[in-house]
Amino acid sequence: MSHTASINKDTPTSAPRPQPAPPAPLPLPLTMRDDPAEIQALWAMTRQQRIDAMWAGRLSLSQLCEWSSRCPTQIPILGGEFAWIVMRTPEWAETAEPPRDNVIHLPEREDRRAAA
């Protein structure tokens, strides 16, 4: 005797699982460029705009170095170092990741199962 599972079309399906948030954009690569327009764009920003752009990873290495050399007291400090340097370390990246566990999460199953 063979047991086959039948699907009842009246059985409600489970709600779709929420999708994870898209990953944050990567910061600009840290390369030095000799672009006067880039430096002008940096100084056209207010102090708060520069800080926000730094945290968002939108400033180039050239801009960060220029800002650090001309106005070092404006730059946020983390652990005694400029924040833009610290936030590119592996230790900083690890704190930004959600904590993990070693539990395997299986899809939910119906309570009624056919006996084998």
N, C-alpha and C. Protein backbone atom coordinates (compact mmCIF):
# COMPACT_ATOMS: atom_id res chain seq x y z
N MET A 1 0.85 -1.17 0.00
CA MET A 1 0.00 0.00 0.00
C MET A 1 0.90 1.23 0.00
N SER A 2 0.62 2.10 -0.87
CA SER A 2 1.45 3.30 -1.02
C SER A 2 0.74 4.49 -0.40
N HIS A 3 1.51 5.25 0.32
CA HIS A 3 0.97 6.49 0.91
C HIS A 3 1.41 7.66 0.05
N THR A 4 0.47 8.44 -0.38
CA THR A 4 0.80 9.65 -1.13
C THR A 4 0.20 10.83 -0.42
N ALA A 5 0.90 11.90 -0.45
CA ALA A 5 0.40 13.12 0.20
C ALA A 5 -0.53 13.82 -0.77
N SER A 6 -1.66 14.23 -0.24
CA SER A 6 -2.59 15.00 -1.08
C SER A 6 -2.57 16.44 -0.61
N ILE A 7 -2.69 17.32 -1.55
CA ILE A 7 -2.67 18.75 -1.25
C ILE A 7 -4.10 19.24 -1.30
N ASN A 8 -4.54 19.83 -0.21
CA ASN A 8 -5.87 20.39 -0.13
C ASN A 8 -5.78 21.85 -0.55
N LYS A 9 -6.48 22.22 -1.59
CA LYS A 9 -6.41 23.58 -2.09
C LYS A 9 -7.03 24.59 -1.14
N ASP A 10 -7.82 24.11 -0.17
CA ASP A 10 -8.43 25.01 0.79
C ASP A 10 -7.51 25.29 1.98
N THR A 11 -6.39 24.58 2.09
CA THR A 11 -5.47 24.78 3.21
C THR A 11 -4.72 26.08 2.99
N PRO A 12 -4.76 26.97 3.99
CA PRO A 12 -4.03 28.23 3.81
C PRO A 12 -2.53 27.98 3.77
N THR A 13 -1.86 28.72 2.93
CA THR A 13 -0.40 28.60 2.86
C THR A 13 0.21 29.51 3.91
N SER A 14 1.42 29.21 4.29
CA SER A 14 2.08 30.05 5.30
C SER A 14 2.44 31.39 4.68
N ALA A 15 2.53 32.39 5.53
CA ALA A 15 2.86 33.73 5.07
C ALA A 15 4.29 33.74 4.53
N PRO A 16 4.56 34.56 3.52
CA PRO A 16 5.92 34.60 3.00
C PRO A 16 6.88 35.13 4.07
N ARG A 17 8.07 34.58 4.05
CA ARG A 17 9.08 35.03 5.02
C ARG A 17 9.58 36.42 4.63
N PRO A 18 9.84 37.26 5.62
CA PRO A 18 10.36 38.59 5.29
C PRO A 18 11.75 38.47 4.66
N GLN A 19 11.97 39.29 3.66
CA GLN A 19 13.26 39.28 2.97
C GLN A 19 14.27 40.09 3.78
N PRO A 20 15.53 39.66 3.80
CA PRO A 20 16.54 40.43 4.53
C PRO A 20 16.76 41.78 3.84
N ALA A 21 17.18 42.74 4.63
CA ALA A 21 17.45 44.07 4.09
C ALA A 21 18.61 43.99 3.10
N PRO A 22 18.58 44.81 2.05
CA PRO A 22 19.69 44.78 1.11
C PRO A 22 20.97 45.22 1.81
N PRO A 23 22.12 44.72 1.38
CA PRO A 23 23.36 45.10 2.04
C PRO A 23 23.64 46.58 1.83
N ALA A 24 24.31 47.16 2.81
CA ALA A 24 24.67 48.57 2.72
C ALA A 24 25.69 48.75 1.60
N PRO A 25 25.67 49.90 0.93
CA PRO A 25 26.65 50.10 -0.14
C PRO A 25 28.06 50.11 0.44
N LEU A 26 28.98 49.60 -0.35
CA LEU A 26 30.37 49.58 0.09
C LEU A 26 30.94 51.00 0.05
N PRO A 27 31.86 51.32 0.96
CA PRO A 27 32.48 52.64 0.89
C PRO A 27 33.34 52.76 -0.37
N LEU A 28 33.62 54.00 -0.73
CA LEU A 28 34.48 54.22 -1.89
C LEU A 28 35.83 53.54 -1.64
N PRO A 29 36.44 52.99 -2.67
CA PRO A 29 37.76 52.40 -2.47
C PRO A 29 38.75 53.48 -2.07
N LEU A 30 39.65 53.12 -1.19
CA LEU A 30 40.62 54.09 -0.69
C LEU A 30 41.80 54.18 -1.65
N THR A 31 41.65 55.05 -2.64
CA THR A 31 42.73 55.31 -3.58
C THR A 31 42.96 56.81 -3.62
N MET A 32 44.22 57.18 -3.75
CA MET A 32 44.56 58.60 -3.82
C MET A 32 44.39 59.07 -5.26
N ARG A 33 43.69 60.18 -5.41
CA ARG A 33 43.52 60.79 -6.72
C ARG A 33 43.87 62.26 -6.57
N ASP A 34 44.49 62.79 -7.58
CA ASP A 34 44.83 64.22 -7.57
C ASP A 34 43.76 64.95 -8.37
N ASP A 35 42.59 65.10 -7.75
CA ASP A 35 41.46 65.72 -8.44
C ASP A 35 41.02 66.96 -7.66
N PRO A 36 41.36 68.15 -8.16
CA PRO A 36 40.98 69.38 -7.45
C PRO A 36 39.47 69.52 -7.24
N ALA A 37 38.67 69.00 -8.18
CA ALA A 37 37.21 69.10 -8.04
C ALA A 37 36.73 68.30 -6.83
N GLU A 38 37.40 67.18 -6.57
CA GLU A 38 37.04 66.35 -5.42
C GLU A 38 37.31 67.10 -4.11
N ILE A 39 38.42 67.81 -4.05
CA ILE A 39 38.76 68.58 -2.84
C ILE A 39 37.82 69.78 -2.70
N GLN A 40 37.50 70.41 -3.81
CA GLN A 40 36.55 71.52 -3.76
C GLN A 40 35.19 71.05 -3.26
N ALA A 41 34.77 69.88 -3.71
CA ALA A 41 33.49 69.32 -3.26
C ALA A 41 33.52 69.07 -1.75
N LEU A 42 34.67 68.64 -1.23
CA LEU A 42 34.80 68.41 0.22
C LEU A 42 34.58 69.71 0.98
N TRP A 43 35.24 70.77 0.57
CA TRP A 43 35.14 72.03 1.31
C TRP A 43 33.85 72.79 1.02
N ALA A 44 33.11 72.37 0.02
CA ALA A 44 31.80 72.97 -0.22
C ALA A 44 30.77 72.44 0.78
N MET A 45 31.09 71.31 1.43
CA MET A 45 30.19 70.73 2.43
C MET A 45 30.35 71.43 3.77
N THR A 46 29.29 71.35 4.55
CA THR A 46 29.40 71.82 5.94
C THR A 46 30.11 70.74 6.75
N ARG A 47 30.50 71.06 7.95
CA ARG A 47 31.17 70.09 8.81
C ARG A 47 30.28 68.86 9.00
N GLN A 48 29.00 69.08 9.28
CA GLN A 48 28.09 67.95 9.51
C GLN A 48 27.91 67.13 8.24
N GLN A 49 27.87 67.76 7.08
CA GLN A 49 27.75 67.02 5.83
C GLN A 49 28.98 66.15 5.59
N ARG A 50 30.17 66.67 5.95
CA ARG A 50 31.39 65.87 5.81
C ARG A 50 31.35 64.66 6.74
N ILE A 51 30.89 64.89 7.98
CA ILE A 51 30.80 63.78 8.95
C ILE A 51 29.81 62.73 8.46
N ASP A 52 28.65 63.18 7.99
CA ASP A 52 27.64 62.23 7.48
C ASP A 52 28.17 61.46 6.27
N ALA A 53 28.87 62.15 5.37
CA ALA A 53 29.44 61.49 4.19
C ALA A 53 30.52 60.49 4.60
N MET A 54 31.29 60.82 5.63
CA MET A 54 32.31 59.90 6.11
C MET A 54 31.67 58.61 6.62
N TRP A 55 30.64 58.74 7.48
CA TRP A 55 29.98 57.55 8.03
C TRP A 55 29.32 56.73 6.93
N ALA A 56 28.84 57.37 5.88
CA ALA A 56 28.19 56.66 4.78
C ALA A 56 29.19 56.08 3.79
N GLY A 57 30.49 56.39 3.96
CA GLY A 57 31.51 55.86 3.06
C GLY A 57 31.56 56.56 1.71
N ARG A 58 31.10 57.81 1.66
CA ARG A 58 31.06 58.53 0.38
C ARG A 58 32.26 59.43 0.15
N LEU A 59 33.22 59.48 1.07
CA LEU A 59 34.40 60.32 0.86
C LEU A 59 35.56 59.46 0.37
N SER A 60 36.32 59.99 -0.57
CA SER A 60 37.48 59.27 -1.10
C SER A 60 38.64 59.42 -0.12
N LEU A 61 39.68 58.63 -0.33
CA LEU A 61 40.87 58.72 0.51
C LEU A 61 41.49 60.11 0.40
N SER A 62 41.50 60.67 -0.79
CA SER A 62 42.04 62.01 -0.98
C SER A 62 41.28 63.02 -0.11
N GLN A 63 39.96 62.93 -0.13
CA GLN A 63 39.15 63.85 0.68
C GLN A 63 39.39 63.62 2.17
N LEU A 64 39.44 62.37 2.59
CA LEU A 64 39.65 62.07 4.00
C LEU A 64 41.01 62.57 4.48
N CYS A 65 42.04 62.38 3.67
CA CYS A 65 43.38 62.86 4.04
C CYS A 65 43.43 64.39 4.08
N GLU A 66 42.81 65.03 3.12
CA GLU A 66 42.76 66.50 3.10
C GLU A 66 42.06 67.03 4.35
N TRP A 67 40.92 66.46 4.65
CA TRP A 67 40.15 66.87 5.83
C TRP A 67 40.94 66.61 7.10
N SER A 68 41.59 65.45 7.18
CA SER A 68 42.37 65.10 8.37
C SER A 68 43.55 66.04 8.58
N SER A 69 44.17 66.46 7.50
CA SER A 69 45.34 67.34 7.64
C SER A 69 44.96 68.79 7.93
N ARG A 70 43.84 69.24 7.38
CA ARG A 70 43.47 70.65 7.58
C ARG A 70 42.62 70.89 8.81
N CYS A 71 41.76 69.96 9.17
CA CYS A 71 40.83 70.15 10.30
C CYS A 71 40.73 68.87 11.14
N PRO A 72 41.82 68.42 11.74
CA PRO A 72 41.79 67.14 12.45
C PRO A 72 40.83 67.12 13.63
N THR A 73 40.50 68.26 14.21
CA THR A 73 39.60 68.28 15.36
C THR A 73 38.14 68.09 14.96
N GLN A 74 37.83 68.20 13.68
CA GLN A 74 36.45 68.00 13.22
C GLN A 74 36.09 66.53 13.05
N ILE A 75 37.08 65.68 12.91
CA ILE A 75 36.82 64.29 12.56
C ILE A 75 36.51 63.49 13.82
N PRO A 76 35.44 62.71 13.80
CA PRO A 76 35.13 61.85 14.95
C PRO A 76 36.28 60.89 15.25
N ILE A 77 36.49 60.64 16.53
CA ILE A 77 37.57 59.77 16.99
C ILE A 77 36.95 58.50 17.59
N LEU A 78 37.51 57.35 17.25
CA LEU A 78 37.10 56.07 17.84
C LEU A 78 38.36 55.39 18.37
N GLY A 79 38.42 55.15 19.66
CA GLY A 79 39.58 54.48 20.24
C GLY A 79 40.88 55.23 20.03
N GLY A 80 40.82 56.55 19.99
CA GLY A 80 42.02 57.35 19.82
C GLY A 80 42.49 57.50 18.39
N GLU A 81 41.72 57.02 17.44
CA GLU A 81 42.09 57.08 16.02
C GLU A 81 40.95 57.71 15.23
N PHE A 82 41.29 58.30 14.07
CA PHE A 82 40.25 58.86 13.22
C PHE A 82 39.23 57.76 12.90
N ALA A 83 37.95 58.10 13.00
CA ALA A 83 36.90 57.11 12.78
C ALA A 83 36.95 56.52 11.38
N TRP A 84 37.33 57.31 10.37
CA TRP A 84 37.35 56.79 9.01
C TRP A 84 38.39 55.70 8.83
N ILE A 85 39.41 55.66 9.68
CA ILE A 85 40.41 54.59 9.62
C ILE A 85 39.87 53.36 10.34
N VAL A 86 39.31 53.57 11.53
CA VAL A 86 38.81 52.46 12.34
C VAL A 86 37.68 51.73 11.63
N MET A 87 36.80 52.47 10.97
CA MET A 87 35.63 51.84 10.37
C MET A 87 35.95 50.98 9.16
N ARG A 88 37.19 50.92 8.75
CA ARG A 88 37.61 50.05 7.65
C ARG A 88 38.41 48.84 8.14
N THR A 89 38.43 48.62 9.44
CA THR A 89 39.15 47.48 9.99
C THR A 89 38.22 46.27 10.10
N PRO A 90 38.76 45.07 10.11
CA PRO A 90 37.91 43.88 10.26
C PRO A 90 37.15 43.88 11.59
N GLU A 91 37.76 44.40 12.64
CA GLU A 91 37.09 44.43 13.93
C GLU A 91 35.82 45.28 13.87
N TRP A 92 35.87 46.38 13.16
CA TRP A 92 34.70 47.25 13.03
C TRP A 92 33.62 46.53 12.22
N ALA A 93 34.01 45.85 11.16
CA ALA A 93 33.05 45.13 10.33
C ALA A 93 32.35 44.05 11.13
N GLU A 94 33.07 43.38 12.03
CA GLU A 94 32.46 42.32 12.84
C GLU A 94 31.40 42.87 13.78
N THR A 95 31.60 44.06 14.32
CA THR A 95 30.59 44.62 15.22
C THR A 95 29.35 45.07 14.47
N ALA A 96 29.47 45.31 13.17
CA ALA A 96 28.32 45.74 12.38
C ALA A 96 27.44 44.57 11.97
N GLU A 97 27.98 43.34 12.05
CA GLU A 97 27.20 42.16 11.68
C GLU A 97 26.29 41.75 12.82
N PRO A 98 25.10 41.25 12.51
CA PRO A 98 24.23 40.77 13.58
C PRO A 98 24.84 39.54 14.24
N PRO A 99 24.58 39.34 15.52
CA PRO A 99 25.13 38.16 16.18
C PRO A 99 24.60 36.88 15.53
N ARG A 100 25.44 35.88 15.49
CA ARG A 100 25.05 34.62 14.87
C ARG A 100 24.92 33.56 15.95
N ASP A 101 24.12 32.56 15.66
CA ASP A 101 24.06 31.41 16.55
C ASP A 101 24.36 30.17 15.72
N ASN A 102 24.47 29.05 16.39
CA ASN A 102 24.78 27.83 15.67
C ASN A 102 23.54 26.95 15.49
N VAL A 103 22.38 27.56 15.51
CA VAL A 103 21.13 26.83 15.35
C VAL A 103 20.73 26.84 13.89
N ILE A 104 20.34 25.67 13.39
CA ILE A 104 19.85 25.58 12.01
C ILE A 104 18.35 25.84 12.05
N HIS A 105 17.90 26.83 11.31
CA HIS A 105 16.49 27.18 11.29
C HIS A 105 15.83 26.47 10.11
N LEU A 106 14.93 25.55 10.42
CA LEU A 106 14.22 24.80 9.40
C LEU A 106 12.91 25.48 9.06
N PRO A 107 12.39 25.26 7.87
CA PRO A 107 11.08 25.83 7.55
C PRO A 107 10.02 25.21 8.45
N GLU A 108 8.98 25.97 8.71
CA GLU A 108 7.91 25.46 9.57
C GLU A 108 7.18 24.34 8.86
N ARG A 109 6.75 23.35 9.66
CA ARG A 109 6.04 22.21 9.12
C ARG A 109 4.64 22.17 9.71
N GLU A 110 3.76 21.50 9.00
CA GLU A 110 2.41 21.33 9.52
C GLU A 110 2.45 20.33 10.67
N ASP A 111 1.52 20.48 11.60
CA ASP A 111 1.46 19.56 12.74
C ASP A 111 1.01 18.17 12.30
N ARG A 112 0.17 18.09 11.27
CA ARG A 112 -0.35 16.79 10.84
C ARG A 112 0.60 16.20 9.81
N ARG A 113 1.16 15.07 10.14
CA ARG A 113 2.05 14.38 9.19
C ARG A 113 1.57 12.93 9.08
N ALA A 114 1.70 12.40 7.90
CA ALA A 114 1.32 11.01 7.69
C ALA A 114 2.36 10.11 8.33
N ALA A 115 1.89 9.02 8.91
CA ALA A 115 2.81 8.04 9.50
C ALA A 115 3.50 7.28 8.39
N ALA A 116 4.75 7.01 8.59
CA ALA A 116 5.51 6.31 7.56
C ALA A 116 5.38 4.83 7.70
